[in-house]
Amino acid sequence: NGQYGMVASSKDQIRNVYEKICTMIKLNPTWREQWDIGKNIITHKETNAKIMILPNTADALESWHFNFLIFDELHTYPKVWDAGVKGQKVLWNPLTVGITTAGDKREGFLWEMYSDKARRDPGMYLYWLGLDDDDDIEKRADWEKIMVASWVTWESIEDQRGMAASARQFERYTANRFPNDN
């Protein structure tokens, strides 16, 4: 009876993810026979495993024991992270994945996780795809390491630079680097 949860920062965002999963199930004949799709829960017919979408509140995650939990835009809800992983302590080999852009400041929950906690916690693995402080945001060669998707090109980066409301916004959302205000 596995429990699989998805948490996002808004109802629209989590609904979008849920609908994509539902579409994948509907398009696959084997999966279509194995899973029942409900309004907010997808249930495996044989095992009763559940894929759930959850609001980004700590109360919504209390009392669950997620085998697998995904947080989208992790920087928006540190207390919810704690509530989600707390229930996993009773399970063997659970996994929690956080997907996020850099935070607005070099302080708080996400900064601590990025800068310190991942190095101290042997049960945590952090893979961060973004420019480092030593990288020059103006230098094309420094961007190569984060251009891992086919749709991320130098031209798309330059387009995002032109559309960003500020240099700080461009650094945070496109370079995925915590702005350094020092």
C-alpha atoms as a PDB file:
ATOM      1  CA  ASN A   1       0.000   0.000   0.000  1.00  0.00           C
ATOM      2  CA  GLY A   2       2.442   2.630  -1.132  1.00  0.00           C
ATOM      3  CA  GLN A   3       1.741   6.298  -0.613  1.00  0.00           C
ATOM      4  CA  TYR A   4       3.010   8.701  -3.238  1.00  0.00           C
ATOM      5  CA  GLY A   5       2.477  12.424  -2.786  1.00  0.00           C
ATOM      6  CA  MET A   6       2.936  15.533  -4.887  1.00  0.00           C
ATOM      7  CA  VAL A   7       2.972  19.001  -3.358  1.00  0.00           C
ATOM      8  CA  ALA A   8       3.099  22.255  -5.312  1.00  0.00           C
ATOM      9  CA  SER A   9       2.850  25.918  -4.450  1.00  0.00           C
ATOM     10  CA  SER A  10      -0.584  26.459  -6.020  1.00  0.00           C
ATOM     11  CA  LYS A  11      -3.732  24.501  -6.867  1.00  0.00           C
ATOM     12  CA  ASP A  12      -3.301  25.259 -10.568  1.00  0.00           C
ATOM     13  CA  GLN A  13       0.281  24.053 -10.572  1.00  0.00           C
ATOM     14  CA  ILE A  14      -0.462  20.765  -8.814  1.00  0.00           C
ATOM     15  CA  ARG A  15      -3.573  20.211 -10.941  1.00  0.00           C
ATOM     16  CA  ASN A  16      -1.415  20.593 -14.047  1.00  0.00           C
ATOM     17  CA  VAL A  17       1.021  17.913 -12.806  1.00  0.00           C
ATOM     18  CA  TYR A  18      -1.846  15.612 -11.805  1.00  0.00           C
ATOM     19  CA  GLU A  19      -3.516  15.935 -15.215  1.00  0.00           C
ATOM     20  CA  LYS A  20      -0.256  15.043 -16.950  1.00  0.00           C
ATOM     21  CA  ILE A  21       0.024  11.863 -14.878  1.00  0.00           C
ATOM     22  CA  CYS A  22      -3.617  11.028 -15.628  1.00  0.00           C
ATOM     23  CA  THR A  23      -2.990  11.533 -19.344  1.00  0.00           C
ATOM     24  CA  MET A  24       0.020   9.197 -19.243  1.00  0.00           C
ATOM     25  CA  ILE A  25      -2.103   6.538 -17.554  1.00  0.00           C
ATOM     26  CA  LYS A  26      -4.967   6.958 -20.028  1.00  0.00           C
ATOM     27  CA  LEU A  27      -2.617   6.669 -23.005  1.00  0.00           C
ATOM     28  CA  ASN A  28      -0.961   3.479 -21.779  1.00  0.00           C
ATOM     29  CA  PRO A  29      -3.219   0.400 -22.099  1.00  0.00           C
ATOM     30  CA  THR A  30      -1.444  -1.513 -19.310  1.00  0.00           C
ATOM     31  CA  TRP A  31      -1.523   1.392 -16.864  1.00  0.00           C
ATOM     32  CA  ARG A  32      -5.132   2.164 -17.766  1.00  0.00           C
ATOM     33  CA  GLU A  33      -6.100  -1.333 -16.596  1.00  0.00           C
ATOM     34  CA  GLN A  34      -4.014  -1.073 -13.405  1.00  0.00           C
ATOM     35  CA  TRP A  35      -5.011   2.340 -12.058  1.00  0.00           C
ATOM     36  CA  ASP A  36      -8.288   4.068 -11.101  1.00  0.00           C
ATOM     37  CA  ILE A  37      -8.239   7.830 -11.598  1.00  0.00           C
ATOM     38  CA  GLY A  38     -10.190   9.837  -9.034  1.00  0.00           C
ATOM     39  CA  LYS A  39     -10.571  13.577  -8.546  1.00  0.00           C
ATOM     40  CA  ASN A  40      -7.417  13.968  -6.418  1.00  0.00           C
ATOM     41  CA  ILE A  41      -6.167  10.400  -5.949  1.00  0.00           C
ATOM     42  CA  ILE A  42      -5.007   7.752  -8.387  1.00  0.00           C
ATOM     43  CA  THR A  43      -5.321   4.248  -6.890  1.00  0.00           C
ATOM     44  CA  HIS A  44      -3.633   1.057  -8.017  1.00  0.00           C
ATOM     45  CA  LYS A  45      -6.365  -1.573  -8.316  1.00  0.00           C
ATOM     46  CA  GLU A  46      -4.331  -4.523  -7.062  1.00  0.00           C
ATOM     47  CA  THR A  47      -2.162  -3.031  -4.304  1.00  0.00           C
ATOM     48  CA  ASN A  48      -4.283  -0.025  -3.264  1.00  0.00           C
ATOM     49  CA  ALA A  49      -1.180   2.181  -3.621  1.00  0.00           C
ATOM     50  CA  LYS A  50      -2.174   5.823  -3.911  1.00  0.00           C
ATOM     51  CA  ILE A  51      -0.806   8.752  -5.874  1.00  0.00           C
ATOM     52  CA  MET A  52      -2.110  11.896  -4.201  1.00  0.00           C
ATOM     53  CA  ILE A  53      -1.972  15.595  -4.893  1.00  0.00           C
ATOM     54  CA  LEU A  54      -1.721  17.690  -1.773  1.00  0.00           C
ATOM     55  CA  PRO A  55      -1.902  21.381  -0.913  1.00  0.00           C
ATOM     56  CA  ASN A  56       1.242  23.021   0.389  1.00  0.00           C
ATOM     57  CA  THR A  57       0.178  23.016   4.038  1.00  0.00           C
ATOM     58  CA  ALA A  58       1.741  21.080   6.877  1.00  0.00           C
ATOM     59  CA  ASP A  59      -1.696  19.873   8.033  1.00  0.00           C
ATOM     60  CA  ALA A  60      -2.308  18.168   4.679  1.00  0.00           C
ATOM     61  CA  LEU A  61       0.838  16.055   5.064  1.00  0.00           C
ATOM     62  CA  GLU A  62       0.484  15.092   8.720  1.00  0.00           C
ATOM     63  CA  SER A  63      -0.180  11.383   9.422  1.00  0.00           C
ATOM     64  CA  TRP A  64       0.886  10.189   5.980  1.00  0.00           C
ATOM     65  CA  HIS A  65       3.881   7.901   5.461  1.00  0.00           C
ATOM     66  CA  PHE A  66       4.990   8.629   1.923  1.00  0.00           C
ATOM     67  CA  ASN A  67       7.167   6.121   0.141  1.00  0.00           C
ATOM     68  CA  PHE A  68       7.838   8.823  -2.421  1.00  0.00           C
ATOM     69  CA  LEU A  69       7.142  12.524  -2.071  1.00  0.00           C
ATOM     70  CA  ILE A  70       7.745  15.306  -4.584  1.00  0.00           C
ATOM     71  CA  PHE A  71       7.805  19.007  -3.739  1.00  0.00           C
ATOM     72  CA  ASP A  72       7.635  21.462  -6.615  1.00  0.00           C
ATOM     73  CA  GLU A  73       9.020  24.929  -5.850  1.00  0.00           C
ATOM     74  CA  LEU A  74      10.439  23.781  -2.543  1.00  0.00           C
ATOM     75  CA  HIS A  75      11.627  27.273  -1.601  1.00  0.00           C
ATOM     76  CA  THR A  76       8.022  28.315  -0.946  1.00  0.00           C
ATOM     77  CA  TYR A  77       7.224  26.042   2.011  1.00  0.00           C
ATOM     78  CA  PRO A  78       9.847  24.920   4.555  1.00  0.00           C
ATOM     79  CA  LYS A  79       7.338  23.850   7.235  1.00  0.00           C
ATOM     80  CA  VAL A  80       5.576  21.611   4.745  1.00  0.00           C
ATOM     81  CA  TRP A  81       8.884  19.866   3.962  1.00  0.00           C
ATOM     82  CA  ASP A  82       9.312  18.991   7.634  1.00  0.00           C
ATOM     83  CA  ALA A  83       5.760  17.615   7.873  1.00  0.00           C
ATOM     84  CA  GLY A  84       6.232  15.501   4.744  1.00  0.00           C
ATOM     85  CA  VAL A  85       9.524  13.891   5.669  1.00  0.00           C
ATOM     86  CA  LYS A  86       8.552  13.319   9.307  1.00  0.00           C
ATOM     87  CA  GLY A  87       6.184  10.481   8.365  1.00  0.00           C
ATOM     88  CA  GLN A  88       8.866   8.844   6.244  1.00  0.00           C
ATOM     89  CA  LYS A  89      11.043   8.032   9.253  1.00  0.00           C
ATOM     90  CA  VAL A  90       9.047   4.843   9.920  1.00  0.00           C
ATOM     91  CA  LEU A  91       9.603   3.518   6.382  1.00  0.00           C
ATOM     92  CA  TRP A  92      12.481   1.615   4.892  1.00  0.00           C
ATOM     93  CA  ASN A  93      14.116   3.484   2.024  1.00  0.00           C
ATOM     94  CA  PRO A  94      11.651   6.346   1.373  1.00  0.00           C
ATOM     95  CA  LEU A  95      12.546   9.072  -1.112  1.00  0.00           C
ATOM     96  CA  THR A  96      11.698  12.763  -1.125  1.00  0.00           C
ATOM     97  CA  VAL A  97      12.495  14.971  -4.109  1.00  0.00           C
ATOM     98  CA  GLY A  98      12.460  18.737  -4.053  1.00  0.00           C
ATOM     99  CA  ILE A  99      12.413  20.691  -7.296  1.00  0.00           C
ATOM    100  CA  THR A 100      13.003  24.411  -7.039  1.00  0.00           C
ATOM    101  CA  THR A 101      14.654  27.562  -8.231  1.00  0.00           C
ATOM    102  CA  ALA A 102      17.037  29.491  -6.019  1.00  0.00           C
ATOM    103  CA  GLY A 103      15.565  31.452  -3.163  1.00  0.00           C
ATOM    104  CA  ASP A 104      15.373  35.215  -3.058  1.00  0.00           C
ATOM    105  CA  LYS A 105      17.973  35.552  -0.289  1.00  0.00           C
ATOM    106  CA  ARG A 106      20.953  33.718   1.119  1.00  0.00           C
ATOM    107  CA  GLU A 107      19.116  32.846   4.279  1.00  0.00           C
ATOM    108  CA  GLY A 108      16.295  30.639   5.456  1.00  0.00           C
ATOM    109  CA  PHE A 109      15.277  27.057   4.844  1.00  0.00           C
ATOM    110  CA  LEU A 110      16.404  26.538   1.254  1.00  0.00           C
ATOM    111  CA  TRP A 111      19.700  28.395   1.660  1.00  0.00           C
ATOM    112  CA  GLU A 112      20.541  26.336   4.751  1.00  0.00           C
ATOM    113  CA  MET A 113      19.747  23.124   2.900  1.00  0.00           C
ATOM    114  CA  TYR A 114      21.786  24.200  -0.114  1.00  0.00           C
ATOM    115  CA  SER A 115      24.768  25.628   1.711  1.00  0.00           C
ATOM    116  CA  ASP A 116      25.102  23.411   4.766  1.00  0.00           C
ATOM    117  CA  LYS A 117      22.558  20.689   5.588  1.00  0.00           C
ATOM    118  CA  ALA A 118      23.191  18.539   2.505  1.00  0.00           C
ATOM    119  CA  ARG A 119      26.872  18.297   3.447  1.00  0.00           C
ATOM    120  CA  ARG A 120      26.119  17.301   7.066  1.00  0.00           C
ATOM    121  CA  ASP A 121      23.261  14.851   6.463  1.00  0.00           C
ATOM    122  CA  PRO A 122      24.466  11.495   5.058  1.00  0.00           C
ATOM    123  CA  GLY A 123      20.892  10.628   4.071  1.00  0.00           C
ATOM    124  CA  MET A 124      20.548  13.673   1.845  1.00  0.00           C
ATOM    125  CA  TYR A 125      21.760  14.035  -1.707  1.00  0.00           C
ATOM    126  CA  LEU A 126      21.578  17.465  -3.289  1.00  0.00           C
ATOM    127  CA  TYR A 127      21.982  18.012  -7.012  1.00  0.00           C
ATOM    128  CA  TRP A 128      21.889  21.692  -7.831  1.00  0.00           C
ATOM    129  CA  LEU A 129      21.826  22.856 -11.427  1.00  0.00           C
ATOM    130  CA  GLY A 130      22.800  26.508 -11.467  1.00  0.00           C
ATOM    131  CA  LEU A 131      25.672  28.919 -11.760  1.00  0.00           C
ATOM    132  CA  ASP A 132      28.162  29.038  -8.881  1.00  0.00           C
ATOM    133  CA  ASP A 133      29.480  32.219  -7.320  1.00  0.00           C
ATOM    134  CA  ASP A 134      32.712  31.785  -9.267  1.00  0.00           C
ATOM    135  CA  ASP A 135      30.833  31.721 -12.582  1.00  0.00           C
ATOM    136  CA  ASP A 136      30.492  34.908 -14.607  1.00  0.00           C
ATOM    137  CA  ILE A 137      26.840  35.463 -15.493  1.00  0.00           C
ATOM    138  CA  GLU A 138      27.950  37.328 -18.632  1.00  0.00           C
ATOM    139  CA  LYS A 139      30.286  34.588 -19.880  1.00  0.00           C
ATOM    140  CA  ARG A 140      28.736  32.090 -22.277  1.00  0.00           C
ATOM    141  CA  ALA A 141      31.197  29.307 -21.394  1.00  0.00           C
ATOM    142  CA  ASP A 142      30.112  29.391 -17.734  1.00  0.00           C
ATOM    143  CA  TRP A 143      26.524  28.598 -18.761  1.00  0.00           C
ATOM    144  CA  GLU A 144      27.448  25.371 -20.580  1.00  0.00           C
ATOM    145  CA  LYS A 145      27.165  23.246 -17.427  1.00  0.00           C
ATOM    146  CA  ILE A 146      23.502  24.123 -16.921  1.00  0.00           C
ATOM    147  CA  MET A 147      22.425  23.894 -20.546  1.00  0.00           C
ATOM    148  CA  VAL A 148      21.399  20.234 -20.163  1.00  0.00           C
ATOM    149  CA  ALA A 149      17.966  20.290 -21.796  1.00  0.00           C
ATOM    150  CA  SER A 150      17.541  20.518 -25.561  1.00  0.00           C
ATOM    151  CA  TRP A 151      15.386  23.637 -25.265  1.00  0.00           C
ATOM    152  CA  VAL A 152      17.966  25.548 -23.195  1.00  0.00           C
ATOM    153  CA  THR A 153      20.134  27.401 -25.669  1.00  0.00           C
ATOM    154  CA  TRP A 154      22.235  30.533 -25.468  1.00  0.00           C
ATOM    155  CA  GLU A 155      19.505  32.278 -27.444  1.00  0.00           C
ATOM    156  CA  SER A 156      16.821  31.210 -24.928  1.00  0.00           C
ATOM    157  CA  ILE A 157      19.026  32.434 -22.080  1.00  0.00           C
ATOM    158  CA  GLU A 158      19.464  35.783 -23.801  1.00  0.00           C
ATOM    159  CA  ASP A 159      15.680  35.978 -24.382  1.00  0.00           C
ATOM    160  CA  GLN A 160      15.077  35.365 -20.676  1.00  0.00           C
ATOM    161  CA  ARG A 161      17.632  38.040 -19.814  1.00  0.00           C
ATOM    162  CA  GLY A 162      15.698  40.494 -21.962  1.00  0.00           C
ATOM    163  CA  MET A 163      12.341  39.543 -20.408  1.00  0.00           C
ATOM    164  CA  ALA A 164      13.487  39.564 -16.772  1.00  0.00           C
ATOM    165  CA  ALA A 165      12.198  42.445 -14.675  1.00  0.00           C
ATOM    166  CA  SER A 166      15.633  42.887 -13.103  1.00  0.00           C
ATOM    167  CA  ALA A 167      19.170  41.500 -13.100  1.00  0.00           C
ATOM    168  CA  ARG A 168      18.385  39.960  -9.713  1.00  0.00           C
ATOM    169  CA  GLN A 169      15.356  38.128 -11.136  1.00  0.00           C
ATOM    170  CA  PHE A 170      17.431  36.850 -14.056  1.00  0.00           C
ATOM    171  CA  GLU A 171      20.131  35.589 -11.695  1.00  0.00           C
ATOM    172  CA  ARG A 172      17.617  33.806  -9.478  1.00  0.00           C
ATOM    173  CA  TYR A 173      15.285  32.242 -12.042  1.00  0.00           C
ATOM    174  CA  THR A 174      17.493  31.682 -15.087  1.00  0.00           C
ATOM    175  CA  ALA A 175      20.990  31.251 -13.617  1.00  0.00           C
ATOM    176  CA  ASN A 176      19.362  29.486 -10.622  1.00  0.00           C
ATOM    177  CA  ARG A 177      21.793  31.196  -8.291  1.00  0.00           C
ATOM    178  CA  PHE A 178      20.959  32.750  -4.949  1.00  0.00           C
ATOM    179  CA  PRO A 179      21.456  36.502  -5.379  1.00  0.00           C
ATOM    180  CA  ASN A 180      24.518  37.737  -3.490  1.00  0.00           C
ATOM    181  CA  ASP A 181      23.635  41.098  -1.990  1.00  0.00           C
ATOM    182  CA  ASN A 182      26.947  41.490  -0.164  1.00  0.00           C
END
